[in-house]
Amino acid sequence: MKIEILGSGCAKCNKTKEIVEKAVDQAGIAAEIVKVQDMDSILAYGVMITPAVVVDGDVKIAGKVPSIEDVLKWITK
């Protein structure tokens, strides 16, 4: 599983990465977590507001920090 955190490196983006890492640890799954800061790559997903979370190429949330419960839902389906 590949999880991408889209964002410029702002506080909300860093918090999102922290939440995703906690959720992956809680779920006990193997996932590659990648931080994407390149604006062209972010825009390629159609994301205009960061932070955003992409799981296996599918944008799950954009413009706000997800809850750990949300992330667990996305990664344990």
PDB file of N, CA and C in Angstrom:
ATOM      1  N   MET A   1       0.849  -1.174   0.000  1.00  0.00           N
ATOM      2  CA  MET A   1       0.000   0.000   0.000  1.00  0.00           C
ATOM      3  C   MET A   1       0.894   1.237   0.000  1.00  0.00           C
ATOM      4  N   LYS A   2       0.520   2.214  -0.818  1.00  0.00           N
ATOM      5  CA  LYS A   2       1.265   3.463  -0.877  1.00  0.00           C
ATOM      6  C   LYS A   2       0.350   4.598  -0.433  1.00  0.00           C
ATOM      7  N   ILE A   3       0.803   5.348   0.571  1.00  0.00           N
ATOM      8  CA  ILE A   3       0.055   6.479   1.087  1.00  0.00           C
ATOM      9  C   ILE A   3       0.886   7.729   0.852  1.00  0.00           C
ATOM     10  N   GLU A   4       0.271   8.696   0.165  1.00  0.00           N
ATOM     11  CA  GLU A   4       0.978   9.946  -0.099  1.00  0.00           C
ATOM     12  C   GLU A   4       0.330  11.074   0.692  1.00  0.00           C
ATOM     13  N   ILE A   5       1.172  11.881   1.319  1.00  0.00           N
ATOM     14  CA  ILE A   5       0.729  13.069   2.028  1.00  0.00           C
ATOM     15  C   ILE A   5       1.093  14.241   1.125  1.00  0.00           C
ATOM     16  N   LEU A   6       0.089  14.940   0.620  1.00  0.00           N
ATOM     17  CA  LEU A   6       0.328  16.067  -0.270  1.00  0.00           C
ATOM     18  C   LEU A   6       0.302  17.353   0.525  1.00  0.00           C
ATOM     19  N   GLY A   7       1.368  18.144   0.408  1.00  0.00           N
ATOM     20  CA  GLY A   7       1.391  19.412   1.114  1.00  0.00           C
ATOM     21  C   GLY A   7       2.747  20.071   1.079  1.00  0.00           C
ATOM     22  N   SER A   8       2.749  21.332   1.450  1.00  0.00           N
ATOM     23  CA  SER A   8       3.949  22.158   1.358  1.00  0.00           C
ATOM     24  C   SER A   8       4.922  21.972   2.514  1.00  0.00           C
ATOM     25  N   GLY A   9       4.501  21.279   3.545  1.00  0.00           N
ATOM     26  CA  GLY A   9       5.344  21.134   4.729  1.00  0.00           C
ATOM     27  C   GLY A   9       4.867  22.009   5.871  1.00  0.00           C
ATOM     28  N   CYS A  10       3.639  22.528   5.758  1.00  0.00           N
ATOM     29  CA  CYS A  10       3.062  23.369   6.809  1.00  0.00           C
ATOM     30  C   CYS A  10       2.724  22.520   8.040  1.00  0.00           C
ATOM     31  N   ALA A  11       2.333  23.170   9.102  1.00  0.00           N
ATOM     32  CA  ALA A  11       2.005  22.473  10.352  1.00  0.00           C
ATOM     33  C   ALA A  11       0.894  21.448  10.154  1.00  0.00           C
ATOM     34  N   LYS A  12      -0.148  21.790   9.378  1.00  0.00           N
ATOM     35  CA  LYS A  12      -1.251  20.854   9.137  1.00  0.00           C
ATOM     36  C   LYS A  12      -0.774  19.645   8.334  1.00  0.00           C
ATOM     37  N   CYS A  13       0.136  19.879   7.386  1.00  0.00           N
ATOM     38  CA  CYS A  13       0.672  18.778   6.577  1.00  0.00           C
ATOM     39  C   CYS A  13       1.491  17.826   7.460  1.00  0.00           C
ATOM     40  N   ASN A  14       2.300  18.399   8.349  1.00  0.00           N
ATOM     41  CA  ASN A  14       3.104  17.584   9.254  1.00  0.00           C
ATOM     42  C   ASN A  14       2.214  16.799  10.215  1.00  0.00           C
ATOM     43  N   LYS A  15       1.136  17.421  10.707  1.00  0.00           N
ATOM     44  CA  LYS A  15       0.194  16.744  11.604  1.00  0.00           C
ATOM     45  C   LYS A  15      -0.487  15.591  10.866  1.00  0.00           C
ATOM     46  N   THR A  16      -0.839  15.814   9.597  1.00  0.00           N
ATOM     47  CA  THR A  16      -1.465  14.762   8.787  1.00  0.00           C
ATOM     48  C   THR A  16      -0.531  13.568   8.657  1.00  0.00           C
ATOM     49  N   LYS A  17       0.736  13.813   8.399  1.00  0.00           N
ATOM     50  CA  LYS A  17       1.718  12.724   8.269  1.00  0.00           C
ATOM     51  C   LYS A  17       1.826  11.950   9.582  1.00  0.00           C
ATOM     52  N   GLU A  18       1.838  12.684  10.688  1.00  0.00           N
ATOM     53  CA  GLU A  18       1.911  12.060  12.016  1.00  0.00           C
ATOM     54  C   GLU A  18       0.696  11.142  12.248  1.00  0.00           C
ATOM     55  N   ILE A  19      -0.494  11.612  11.905  1.00  0.00           N
ATOM     56  CA  ILE A  19      -1.724  10.829  12.084  1.00  0.00           C
ATOM     57  C   ILE A  19      -1.699   9.579  11.199  1.00  0.00           C
ATOM     58  N   VAL A  20      -1.275   9.738   9.960  1.00  0.00           N
ATOM     59  CA  VAL A  20      -1.207   8.589   9.045  1.00  0.00           C
ATOM     60  C   VAL A  20      -0.222   7.544   9.575  1.00  0.00           C
ATOM     61  N   GLU A  21       0.925   7.988  10.065  1.00  0.00           N
ATOM     62  CA  GLU A  21       1.916   7.050  10.610  1.00  0.00           C
ATOM     63  C   GLU A  21       1.357   6.302  11.820  1.00  0.00           C
ATOM     64  N   LYS A  22       0.627   7.000  12.708  1.00  0.00           N
ATOM     65  CA  LYS A  22       0.017   6.356  13.877  1.00  0.00           C
ATOM     66  C   LYS A  22      -1.018   5.316  13.438  1.00  0.00           C
ATOM     67  N   ALA A  23      -1.831   5.667  12.449  1.00  0.00           N
ATOM     68  CA  ALA A  23      -2.875   4.755  11.972  1.00  0.00           C
ATOM     69  C   ALA A  23      -2.256   3.495  11.361  1.00  0.00           C
ATOM     70  N   VAL A  24      -1.206   3.661  10.591  1.00  0.00           N
ATOM     71  CA  VAL A  24      -0.533   2.517   9.975  1.00  0.00           C
ATOM     72  C   VAL A  24       0.046   1.617  11.062  1.00  0.00           C
ATOM     73  N   ASP A  25       0.659   2.213  12.084  1.00  0.00           N
ATOM     74  CA  ASP A  25       1.191   1.428  13.213  1.00  0.00           C
ATOM     75  C   ASP A  25       0.069   0.683  13.933  1.00  0.00           C
ATOM     76  N   GLN A  26      -1.043   1.380  14.199  1.00  0.00           N
ATOM     77  CA  GLN A  26      -2.184   0.763  14.893  1.00  0.00           C
ATOM     78  C   GLN A  26      -2.758  -0.397  14.108  1.00  0.00           C
ATOM     79  N   ALA A  27      -2.867  -0.218  12.793  1.00  0.00           N
ATOM     80  CA  ALA A  27      -3.454  -1.255  11.944  1.00  0.00           C
ATOM     81  C   ALA A  27      -2.485  -2.424  11.729  1.00  0.00           C
ATOM     82  N   GLY A  28      -1.203  -2.170  11.977  1.00  0.00           N
ATOM     83  CA  GLY A  28      -0.207  -3.222  11.815  1.00  0.00           C
ATOM     84  C   GLY A  28      -0.021  -3.655  10.364  1.00  0.00           C
ATOM     85  N   ILE A  29      -0.156  -2.698   9.448  1.00  0.00           N
ATOM     86  CA  ILE A  29      -0.003  -3.039   8.035  1.00  0.00           C
ATOM     87  C   ILE A  29       1.294  -2.456   7.489  1.00  0.00           C
ATOM     88  N   ALA A  30       1.733  -3.016   6.378  1.00  0.00           N
ATOM     89  CA  ALA A  30       2.922  -2.501   5.700  1.00  0.00           C
ATOM     90  C   ALA A  30       2.465  -1.452   4.700  1.00  0.00           C
ATOM     91  N   ALA A  31       2.985  -0.255   4.835  1.00  0.00           N
ATOM     92  CA  ALA A  31       2.621   0.821   3.911  1.00  0.00           C
ATOM     93  C   ALA A  31       3.827   1.715   3.681  1.00  0.00           C
ATOM     94  N   GLU A  32       3.956   2.153   2.447  1.00  0.00           N
ATOM     95  CA  GLU A  32       4.982   3.134   2.104  1.00  0.00           C
ATOM     96  C   GLU A  32       4.329   4.501   2.252  1.00  0.00           C
ATOM     97  N   ILE A  33       4.877   5.341   3.137  1.00  0.00           N
ATOM     98  CA  ILE A  33       4.333   6.675   3.366  1.00  0.00           C
ATOM     99  C   ILE A  33       5.287   7.685   2.728  1.00  0.00           C
ATOM    100  N   VAL A  34       4.750   8.449   1.777  1.00  0.00           N
ATOM    101  CA  VAL A  34       5.567   9.390   1.015  1.00  0.00           C
ATOM    102  C   VAL A  34       5.009  10.797   1.175  1.00  0.00           C
ATOM    103  N   LYS A  35       5.887  11.757   1.417  1.00  0.00           N
ATOM    104  CA  LYS A  35       5.474  13.154   1.496  1.00  0.00           C
ATOM    105  C   LYS A  35       5.729  13.787   0.132  1.00  0.00           C
ATOM    106  N   VAL A  36       4.692  14.351  -0.461  1.00  0.00           N
ATOM    107  CA  VAL A  36       4.794  14.984  -1.779  1.00  0.00           C
ATOM    108  C   VAL A  36       4.650  16.491  -1.608  1.00  0.00           C
ATOM    109  N   GLN A  37       5.722  17.227  -1.949  1.00  0.00           N
ATOM    110  CA  GLN A  37       5.703  18.675  -1.788  1.00  0.00           C
ATOM    111  C   GLN A  37       5.737  19.413  -3.127  1.00  0.00           C
ATOM    112  N   ASP A  38       5.962  18.694  -4.206  1.00  0.00           N
ATOM    113  CA  ASP A  38       6.030  19.304  -5.535  1.00  0.00           C
ATOM    114  C   ASP A  38       4.632  19.719  -5.994  1.00  0.00           C
ATOM    115  N   MET A  39       4.446  21.016  -6.236  1.00  0.00           N
ATOM    116  CA  MET A  39       3.113  21.537  -6.576  1.00  0.00           C
ATOM    117  C   MET A  39       2.541  20.921  -7.856  1.00  0.00           C
ATOM    118  N   ASP A  40       3.386  20.645  -8.844  1.00  0.00           N
ATOM    119  CA  ASP A  40       2.887  20.029 -10.079  1.00  0.00           C
ATOM    120  C   ASP A  40       2.318  18.642  -9.798  1.00  0.00           C
ATOM    121  N   SER A  41       2.993  17.889  -8.931  1.00  0.00           N
ATOM    122  CA  SER A  41       2.509  16.552  -8.567  1.00  0.00           C
ATOM    123  C   SER A  41       1.198  16.641  -7.789  1.00  0.00           C
ATOM    124  N   ILE A  42       1.104  17.615  -6.898  1.00  0.00           N
ATOM    125  CA  ILE A  42      -0.117  17.811  -6.106  1.00  0.00           C
ATOM    126  C   ILE A  42      -1.283  18.187  -7.024  1.00  0.00           C
ATOM    127  N   LEU A  43      -1.033  19.124  -7.929  1.00  0.00           N
ATOM    128  CA  LEU A  43      -2.080  19.567  -8.858  1.00  0.00           C
ATOM    129  C   LEU A  43      -2.510  18.450  -9.807  1.00  0.00           C
ATOM    130  N   ALA A  44      -1.599  17.526 -10.110  1.00  0.00           N
ATOM    131  CA  ALA A  44      -1.926  16.405 -10.990  1.00  0.00           C
ATOM    132  C   ALA A  44      -3.041  15.534 -10.398  1.00  0.00           C
ATOM    133  N   TYR A  45      -3.177  15.544  -9.083  1.00  0.00           N
ATOM    134  CA  TYR A  45      -4.269  14.816  -8.423  1.00  0.00           C
ATOM    135  C   TYR A  45      -5.555  15.639  -8.388  1.00  0.00           C
ATOM    136  N   GLY A  46      -5.494  16.878  -8.841  1.00  0.00           N
ATOM    137  CA  GLY A  46      -6.668  17.746  -8.793  1.00  0.00           C
ATOM    138  C   GLY A  46      -6.858  18.401  -7.441  1.00  0.00           C
ATOM    139  N   VAL A  47      -5.830  18.352  -6.612  1.00  0.00           N
ATOM    140  CA  VAL A  47      -5.901  18.910  -5.265  1.00  0.00           C
ATOM    141  C   VAL A  47      -5.484  20.371  -5.307  1.00  0.00           C
ATOM    142  N   MET A  48      -6.355  21.245  -4.811  1.00  0.00           N
ATOM    143  CA  MET A  48      -6.073  22.677  -4.780  1.00  0.00           C
ATOM    144  C   MET A  48      -5.734  23.170  -3.370  1.00  0.00           C
ATOM    145  N   ILE A  49      -6.207  22.447  -2.364  1.00  0.00           N
ATOM    146  CA  ILE A  49      -5.982  22.850  -0.977  1.00  0.00           C
ATOM    147  C   ILE A  49      -5.330  21.682  -0.237  1.00  0.00           C
ATOM    148  N   THR A  50      -4.226  21.968   0.442  1.00  0.00           N
ATOM    149  CA  THR A  50      -3.547  20.927   1.214  1.00  0.00           C
ATOM    150  C   THR A  50      -3.811  21.157   2.693  1.00  0.00           C
ATOM    151  N   PRO A  51      -3.619  20.162   3.527  1.00  0.00           N
ATOM    152  CA  PRO A  51      -3.055  18.855   3.216  1.00  0.00           C
ATOM    153  C   PRO A  51      -4.065  17.947   2.524  1.00  0.00           C
ATOM    154  N   ALA A  52      -3.525  16.914   1.881  1.00  0.00           N
ATOM    155  CA  ALA A  52      -4.372  15.899   1.261  1.00  0.00           C
ATOM    156  C   ALA A  52      -3.727  14.540   1.488  1.00  0.00           C
ATOM    157  N   VAL A  53      -4.560  13.505   1.481  1.00  0.00           N
ATOM    158  CA  VAL A  53      -4.072  12.137   1.641  1.00  0.00           C
ATOM    159  C   VAL A  53      -4.523  11.326   0.444  1.00  0.00           C
ATOM    160  N   VAL A  54      -3.568  10.618  -0.156  1.00  0.00           N
ATOM    161  CA  VAL A  54      -3.838   9.764  -1.309  1.00  0.00           C
ATOM    162  C   VAL A  54      -3.454   8.337  -0.927  1.00  0.00           C
ATOM    163  N   VAL A  55      -4.398   7.407  -1.068  1.00  0.00           N
ATOM    164  CA  VAL A  55      -4.128   6.001  -0.770  1.00  0.00           C
ATOM    165  C   VAL A  55      -4.209   5.224  -2.076  1.00  0.00           C
ATOM    166  N   ASP A  56      -3.090   4.617  -2.455  1.00  0.00           N
ATOM    167  CA  ASP A  56      -3.007   3.849  -3.701  1.00  0.00           C
ATOM    168  C   ASP A  56      -3.598   4.607  -4.893  1.00  0.00           C
ATOM    169  N   GLY A  57      -3.243   5.894  -5.009  1.00  0.00           N
ATOM    170  CA  GLY A  57      -3.665   6.697  -6.149  1.00  0.00           C
ATOM    171  C   GLY A  57      -5.034   7.345  -6.034  1.00  0.00           C
ATOM    172  N   ASP A  58      -5.755   7.083  -4.944  1.00  0.00           N
ATOM    173  CA  ASP A  58      -7.108   7.611  -4.755  1.00  0.00           C
ATOM    174  C   ASP A  58      -7.092   8.705  -3.673  1.00  0.00           C
ATOM    175  N   VAL A  59      -7.493   9.928  -4.043  1.00  0.00           N
ATOM    176  CA  VAL A  59      -7.527  11.035  -3.079  1.00  0.00           C
ATOM    177  C   VAL A  59      -8.649  10.768  -2.073  1.00  0.00           C
ATOM    178  N   LYS A  60      -8.285  10.685  -0.803  1.00  0.00           N
ATOM    179  CA  LYS A  60      -9.265  10.391   0.247  1.00  0.00           C
ATOM    180  C   LYS A  60      -9.778  11.643   0.948  1.00  0.00           C
ATOM    181  N   ILE A  61      -8.923  12.652   1.088  1.00  0.00           N
ATOM    182  CA  ILE A  61      -9.311  13.890   1.755  1.00  0.00           C
ATOM    183  C   ILE A  61      -8.398  15.005   1.265  1.00  0.00           C
ATOM    184  N   ALA A  62      -8.933  16.205   1.190  1.00  0.00           N
ATOM    185  CA  ALA A  62      -8.120  17.365   0.811  1.00  0.00           C
ATOM    186  C   ALA A  62      -8.619  18.590   1.568  1.00  0.00           C
ATOM    187  N   GLY A  63      -7.683  19.415   1.994  1.00  0.00           N
ATOM    188  CA  GLY A  63      -8.037  20.670   2.635  1.00  0.00           C
ATOM    189  C   GLY A  63      -8.218  20.624   4.128  1.00  0.00           C
ATOM    190  N   LYS A  64      -8.073  19.435   4.722  1.00  0.00           N
ATOM    191  CA  LYS A  64      -8.157  19.369   6.179  1.00  0.00           C
ATOM    192  C   LYS A  64      -7.392  18.160   6.699  1.00  0.00           C
ATOM    193  N   VAL A  65      -7.111  18.213   7.986  1.00  0.00           N
ATOM    194  CA  VAL A  65      -6.391  17.133   8.648  1.00  0.00           C
ATOM    195  C   VAL A  65      -7.381  16.015   8.957  1.00  0.00           C
ATOM    196  N   PRO A  66      -7.094  14.787   8.532  1.00  0.00           N
ATOM    197  CA  PRO A  66      -8.028  13.691   8.811  1.00  0.00           C
ATOM    198  C   PRO A  66      -7.934  13.219  10.262  1.00  0.00           C
ATOM    199  N   SER A  67      -8.976  12.552  10.720  1.00  0.00           N
ATOM    200  CA  SER A  67      -8.909  11.934  12.046  1.00  0.00           C
ATOM    201  C   SER A  67      -8.231  10.579  11.885  1.00  0.00           C
ATOM    202  N   ILE A  68      -7.732  10.056  12.977  1.00  0.00           N
ATOM    203  CA  ILE A  68      -7.091   8.739  12.918  1.00  0.00           C
ATOM    204  C   ILE A  68      -8.114   7.671  12.523  1.00  0.00           C
ATOM    205  N   GLU A  69      -9.376   7.869  12.935  1.00  0.00           N
ATOM    206  CA  GLU A  69     -10.442   6.920  12.581  1.00  0.00           C
ATOM    207  C   GLU A  69     -10.672   6.894  11.073  1.00  0.00           C
ATOM    208  N   ASP A  70     -10.656   8.071  10.448  1.00  0.00           N
ATOM    209  CA  ASP A  70     -10.809   8.148   8.992  1.00  0.00           C
ATOM    210  C   ASP A  70      -9.697   7.371   8.301  1.00  0.00           C
ATOM    211  N   VAL A  71      -8.470   7.620   8.725  1.00  0.00           N
ATOM    212  CA  VAL A  71      -7.321   6.957   8.093  1.00  0.00           C
ATOM    213  C   VAL A  71      -7.418   5.449   8.273  1.00  0.00           C
ATOM    214  N   LEU A  72      -7.800   5.012   9.453  1.00  0.00           N
ATOM    215  CA  LEU A  72      -7.948   3.556   9.685  1.00  0.00           C
ATOM    216  C   LEU A  72      -8.979   2.952   8.749  1.00  0.00           C
ATOM    217  N   LYS A  73     -10.079   3.657   8.503  1.00  0.00           N
ATOM    218  CA  LYS A  73     -11.097   3.170   7.570  1.00  0.00           C
ATOM    219  C   LYS A  73     -10.519   2.993   6.172  1.00  0.00           C
ATOM    220  N   TRP A  74      -9.750   3.990   5.727  1.00  0.00           N
ATOM    221  CA  TRP A  74      -9.199   3.965   4.367  1.00  0.00           C
ATOM    222  C   TRP A  74      -8.187   2.849   4.176  1.00  0.00           C
ATOM    223  N   ILE A  75      -7.414   2.535   5.223  1.00  0.00           N
ATOM    224  CA  ILE A  75      -6.306   1.583   5.036  1.00  0.00           C
ATOM    225  C   ILE A  75      -6.649   0.147   5.440  1.00  0.00           C
ATOM    226  N   THR A  76      -7.801  -0.052   6.070  1.00  0.00           N
ATOM    227  CA  THR A  76      -8.135  -1.417   6.505  1.00  0.00           C
ATOM    228  C   THR A  76      -9.264  -2.043   5.694  1.00  0.00           C
ATOM    229  N   LYS A  77      -9.683  -1.399   4.617  1.00  0.00           N
ATOM    230  CA  LYS A  77     -10.761  -1.959   3.789  1.00  0.00           C
ATOM    231  C   LYS A  77     -10.262  -3.172   3.040  1.00  0.00           C
TER     232      LYS A  77
END
